[in-house]
Amino acid sequence: MSTIKDDRSLGELLGELARESGVLVRQEIALARSELSEKASAVGKDIGYLAMGGLVAYAGFLAIVAAIIIGLAAAGLPWWLSALIVGVVVAGIGYVLVQKGLTALKTQDLGPRHTVESLQEDAQWAKEQVR
């Protein structure tokens, strides 16, 4: 096994370690920012699905209410049946959108996993350098 001779002093080695540690910390912070920004964007989209689903479901609820009112007030079946069918379809679409948003939010991992893994690797590397 060959050994590499390093003519640098302990002070120079510690200075280099401090500089490299600073660079490493800055890179880790940049990685964490990037990762959290990406996850925030995905959560924003999922919240958009929830909001749109809620609005569509509300429109469906209003149509069902209108169908009940029309059904009670109207003498003929076509008005009531038309409004009821439209209300059920719109509410169904809203339900699907809300479920999609909820499912996406439940499966979203909000932790900065890459950063945590990288920090663990860095800690292991630093331990090996100190030996």
C-alpha atoms as a PDB file:
ATOM      1  CA  MET A   1       0.000   0.000   0.000  1.00  0.00           C
ATOM      2  CA  SER A   2       1.515   3.321  -1.005  1.00  0.00           C
ATOM      3  CA  THR A   3       1.236   6.415   1.157  1.00  0.00           C
ATOM      4  CA  ILE A   4       1.030   9.947  -0.141  1.00  0.00           C
ATOM      5  CA  LYS A   5       3.352  12.424   1.538  1.00  0.00           C
ATOM      6  CA  ASP A   6       1.812  15.818   2.139  1.00  0.00           C
ATOM      7  CA  ASP A   7       4.231  18.632   2.986  1.00  0.00           C
ATOM      8  CA  ARG A   8       1.536  21.012   4.192  1.00  0.00           C
ATOM      9  CA  SER A   9       1.513  22.067   7.818  1.00  0.00           C
ATOM     10  CA  LEU A  10      -1.297  21.271  10.219  1.00  0.00           C
ATOM     11  CA  GLY A  11      -2.388  24.919  10.098  1.00  0.00           C
ATOM     12  CA  GLU A  12      -2.606  24.817   6.295  1.00  0.00           C
ATOM     13  CA  LEU A  13      -4.571  21.579   6.411  1.00  0.00           C
ATOM     14  CA  LEU A  14      -7.000  22.980   8.994  1.00  0.00           C
ATOM     15  CA  GLY A  15      -7.388  26.173   6.953  1.00  0.00           C
ATOM     16  CA  GLU A  16      -8.169  24.138   3.855  1.00  0.00           C
ATOM     17  CA  LEU A  17     -10.646  22.039   5.829  1.00  0.00           C
ATOM     18  CA  ALA A  18     -12.368  25.215   7.067  1.00  0.00           C
ATOM     19  CA  ARG A  19     -12.601  26.641   3.518  1.00  0.00           C
ATOM     20  CA  GLU A  20     -13.906  23.400   2.072  1.00  0.00           C
ATOM     21  CA  SER A  21     -16.384  23.044   4.929  1.00  0.00           C
ATOM     22  CA  GLY A  22     -17.699  26.546   4.198  1.00  0.00           C
ATOM     23  CA  VAL A  23     -18.124  25.707   0.523  1.00  0.00           C
ATOM     24  CA  LEU A  24     -19.838  22.455   1.454  1.00  0.00           C
ATOM     25  CA  VAL A  25     -22.273  24.200   3.807  1.00  0.00           C
ATOM     26  CA  ARG A  26     -23.154  26.769   1.122  1.00  0.00           C
ATOM     27  CA  GLN A  27     -23.747  23.987  -1.399  1.00  0.00           C
ATOM     28  CA  GLU A  28     -25.943  22.107   1.063  1.00  0.00           C
ATOM     29  CA  ILE A  29     -27.995  25.246   1.730  1.00  0.00           C
ATOM     30  CA  ALA A  30     -28.441  25.774  -2.017  1.00  0.00           C
ATOM     31  CA  LEU A  31     -29.544  22.143  -2.389  1.00  0.00           C
ATOM     32  CA  ALA A  32     -32.044  22.511   0.443  1.00  0.00           C
ATOM     33  CA  ARG A  33     -33.466  25.706  -1.084  1.00  0.00           C
ATOM     34  CA  SER A  34     -33.816  24.061  -4.463  1.00  0.00           C
ATOM     35  CA  GLU A  35     -35.452  20.964  -3.053  1.00  0.00           C
ATOM     36  CA  LEU A  36     -37.911  22.888  -0.880  1.00  0.00           C
ATOM     37  CA  SER A  37     -38.784  25.187  -3.786  1.00  0.00           C
ATOM     38  CA  GLU A  38     -39.550  22.189  -5.979  1.00  0.00           C
ATOM     39  CA  LYS A  39     -41.747  20.620  -3.298  1.00  0.00           C
ATOM     40  CA  ALA A  40     -43.555  23.908  -2.625  1.00  0.00           C
ATOM     41  CA  SER A  41     -44.385  24.165  -6.314  1.00  0.00           C
ATOM     42  CA  ALA A  42     -45.889  20.661  -6.315  1.00  0.00           C
ATOM     43  CA  VAL A  43     -47.916  21.406  -3.161  1.00  0.00           C
ATOM     44  CA  GLY A  44     -49.189  24.633  -4.754  1.00  0.00           C
ATOM     45  CA  LYS A  45     -50.471  22.674  -7.742  1.00  0.00           C
ATOM     46  CA  ASP A  46     -52.188  20.157  -5.458  1.00  0.00           C
ATOM     47  CA  ILE A  47     -53.838  22.961  -3.494  1.00  0.00           C
ATOM     48  CA  GLY A  48     -55.040  24.349  -6.824  1.00  0.00           C
ATOM     49  CA  TYR A  49     -56.746  21.010  -7.516  1.00  0.00           C
ATOM     50  CA  LEU A  50     -58.395  21.195  -4.100  1.00  0.00           C
ATOM     51  CA  ALA A  51     -59.613  24.733  -4.699  1.00  0.00           C
ATOM     52  CA  MET A  52     -60.934  23.984  -8.175  1.00  0.00           C
ATOM     53  CA  GLY A  53     -62.563  20.774  -6.951  1.00  0.00           C
ATOM     54  CA  GLY A  54     -64.208  22.665  -4.127  1.00  0.00           C
ATOM     55  CA  LEU A  55     -65.540  25.323  -6.488  1.00  0.00           C
ATOM     56  CA  VAL A  56     -66.903  22.743  -8.917  1.00  0.00           C
ATOM     57  CA  ALA A  57     -68.466  20.747  -6.071  1.00  0.00           C
ATOM     58  CA  TYR A  58     -70.073  23.934  -4.778  1.00  0.00           C
ATOM     59  CA  ALA A  59     -71.497  24.668  -8.227  1.00  0.00           C
ATOM     60  CA  GLY A  60     -72.864  21.119  -8.231  1.00  0.00           C
ATOM     61  CA  PHE A  61     -74.447  21.677  -4.828  1.00  0.00           C
ATOM     62  CA  LEU A  62     -76.099  24.850  -6.098  1.00  0.00           C
ATOM     63  CA  ALA A  63     -77.428  22.987  -9.138  1.00  0.00           C
ATOM     64  CA  ILE A  64     -78.858  20.246  -6.898  1.00  0.00           C
ATOM     65  CA  VAL A  65     -80.518  22.890  -4.754  1.00  0.00           C
ATOM     66  CA  ALA A  66     -81.902  24.526  -7.904  1.00  0.00           C
ATOM     67  CA  ALA A  67     -83.176  21.105  -9.022  1.00  0.00           C
ATOM     68  CA  ILE A  68     -85.022  20.630  -5.735  1.00  0.00           C
ATOM     69  CA  ILE A  69     -86.546  24.107  -5.971  1.00  0.00           C
ATOM     70  CA  ILE A  70     -87.512  23.619  -9.608  1.00  0.00           C
ATOM     71  CA  GLY A  71     -88.875  20.159  -8.814  1.00  0.00           C
ATOM     72  CA  LEU A  72     -91.107  21.532  -6.092  1.00  0.00           C
ATOM     73  CA  ALA A  73     -92.201  24.575  -8.106  1.00  0.00           C
ATOM     74  CA  ALA A  74     -92.510  23.101 -11.558  1.00  0.00           C
ATOM     75  CA  ALA A  75     -95.494  21.206 -12.786  1.00  0.00           C
ATOM     76  CA  GLY A  76     -93.507  19.317 -15.458  1.00  0.00           C
ATOM     77  CA  LEU A  77     -90.788  16.722 -15.013  1.00  0.00           C
ATOM     78  CA  PRO A  78     -88.248  17.917 -17.669  1.00  0.00           C
ATOM     79  CA  TRP A  79     -87.063  21.005 -15.704  1.00  0.00           C
ATOM     80  CA  TRP A  80     -86.543  19.107 -12.515  1.00  0.00           C
ATOM     81  CA  LEU A  81     -84.899  16.115 -14.142  1.00  0.00           C
ATOM     82  CA  SER A  82     -82.597  18.306 -16.247  1.00  0.00           C
ATOM     83  CA  ALA A  83     -81.363  20.333 -13.284  1.00  0.00           C
ATOM     84  CA  LEU A  84     -80.900  17.210 -11.155  1.00  0.00           C
ATOM     85  CA  ILE A  85     -78.851  15.433 -13.819  1.00  0.00           C
ATOM     86  CA  VAL A  86     -76.628  18.495 -14.325  1.00  0.00           C
ATOM     87  CA  GLY A  87     -76.162  18.891 -10.562  1.00  0.00           C
ATOM     88  CA  VAL A  88     -75.154  15.256 -10.067  1.00  0.00           C
ATOM     89  CA  VAL A  89     -72.665  15.392 -12.963  1.00  0.00           C
ATOM     90  CA  VAL A  90     -71.067  18.641 -11.765  1.00  0.00           C
ATOM     91  CA  ALA A  91     -70.859  17.375  -8.170  1.00  0.00           C
ATOM     92  CA  GLY A  92     -69.256  14.153  -9.424  1.00  0.00           C
ATOM     93  CA  ILE A  93     -66.591  16.107 -11.308  1.00  0.00           C
ATOM     94  CA  GLY A  94     -65.911  18.182  -8.210  1.00  0.00           C
ATOM     95  CA  TYR A  95     -65.585  15.054  -6.091  1.00  0.00           C
ATOM     96  CA  VAL A  96     -63.039  13.554  -8.501  1.00  0.00           C
ATOM     97  CA  LEU A  97     -60.950  16.760  -8.479  1.00  0.00           C
ATOM     98  CA  VAL A  98     -60.993  17.020  -4.676  1.00  0.00           C
ATOM     99  CA  GLN A  99     -59.987  13.356  -4.306  1.00  0.00           C
ATOM    100  CA  LYS A 100     -57.145  13.825  -6.797  1.00  0.00           C
ATOM    101  CA  GLY A 101     -55.815  16.816  -4.848  1.00  0.00           C
ATOM    102  CA  LEU A 102     -56.103  15.062  -1.469  1.00  0.00           C
ATOM    103  CA  THR A 103     -54.390  11.927  -2.748  1.00  0.00           C
ATOM    104  CA  ALA A 104     -51.555  13.959  -4.244  1.00  0.00           C
ATOM    105  CA  LEU A 105     -51.082  15.911  -0.997  1.00  0.00           C
ATOM    106  CA  LYS A 106     -51.046  12.741   1.107  1.00  0.00           C
ATOM    107  CA  THR A 107     -48.338  11.162  -1.038  1.00  0.00           C
ATOM    108  CA  GLN A 108     -46.194  14.310  -1.190  1.00  0.00           C
ATOM    109  CA  ASP A 109     -42.962  14.001   0.776  1.00  0.00           C
ATOM    110  CA  LEU A 110     -42.250  17.495   2.091  1.00  0.00           C
ATOM    111  CA  GLY A 111     -38.935  16.781   3.762  1.00  0.00           C
ATOM    112  CA  PRO A 112     -35.669  17.735   2.040  1.00  0.00           C
ATOM    113  CA  ARG A 113     -34.590  14.089   1.654  1.00  0.00           C
ATOM    114  CA  HIS A 114     -31.705  14.732  -0.754  1.00  0.00           C
ATOM    115  CA  THR A 115     -30.255  17.347   1.563  1.00  0.00           C
ATOM    116  CA  VAL A 116     -30.533  15.059   4.607  1.00  0.00           C
ATOM    117  CA  GLU A 117     -28.845  12.215   2.713  1.00  0.00           C
ATOM    118  CA  SER A 118     -26.121  14.538   1.489  1.00  0.00           C
ATOM    119  CA  LEU A 119     -25.519  15.889   5.003  1.00  0.00           C
ATOM    120  CA  GLN A 120     -25.222  12.335   6.322  1.00  0.00           C
ATOM    121  CA  GLU A 121     -22.685  11.536   3.604  1.00  0.00           C
ATOM    122  CA  ASP A 122     -20.787  14.724   4.435  1.00  0.00           C
ATOM    123  CA  ALA A 123     -20.715  13.835   8.120  1.00  0.00           C
ATOM    124  CA  GLN A 124     -19.372  10.384   7.282  1.00  0.00           C
ATOM    125  CA  TRP A 125     -16.729  11.926   5.002  1.00  0.00           C
ATOM    126  CA  ALA A 126     -15.697  14.394   7.734  1.00  0.00           C
ATOM    127  CA  LYS A 127     -15.334  11.552  10.257  1.00  0.00           C
ATOM    128  CA  GLU A 128     -13.104   9.678   7.852  1.00  0.00           C
ATOM    129  CA  GLN A 129     -10.963  12.786   7.262  1.00  0.00           C
ATOM    130  CA  VAL A 130     -10.387  13.286  10.992  1.00  0.00           C
ATOM    131  CA  ARG A 131      -9.099   9.701  11.476  1.00  0.00           C
END
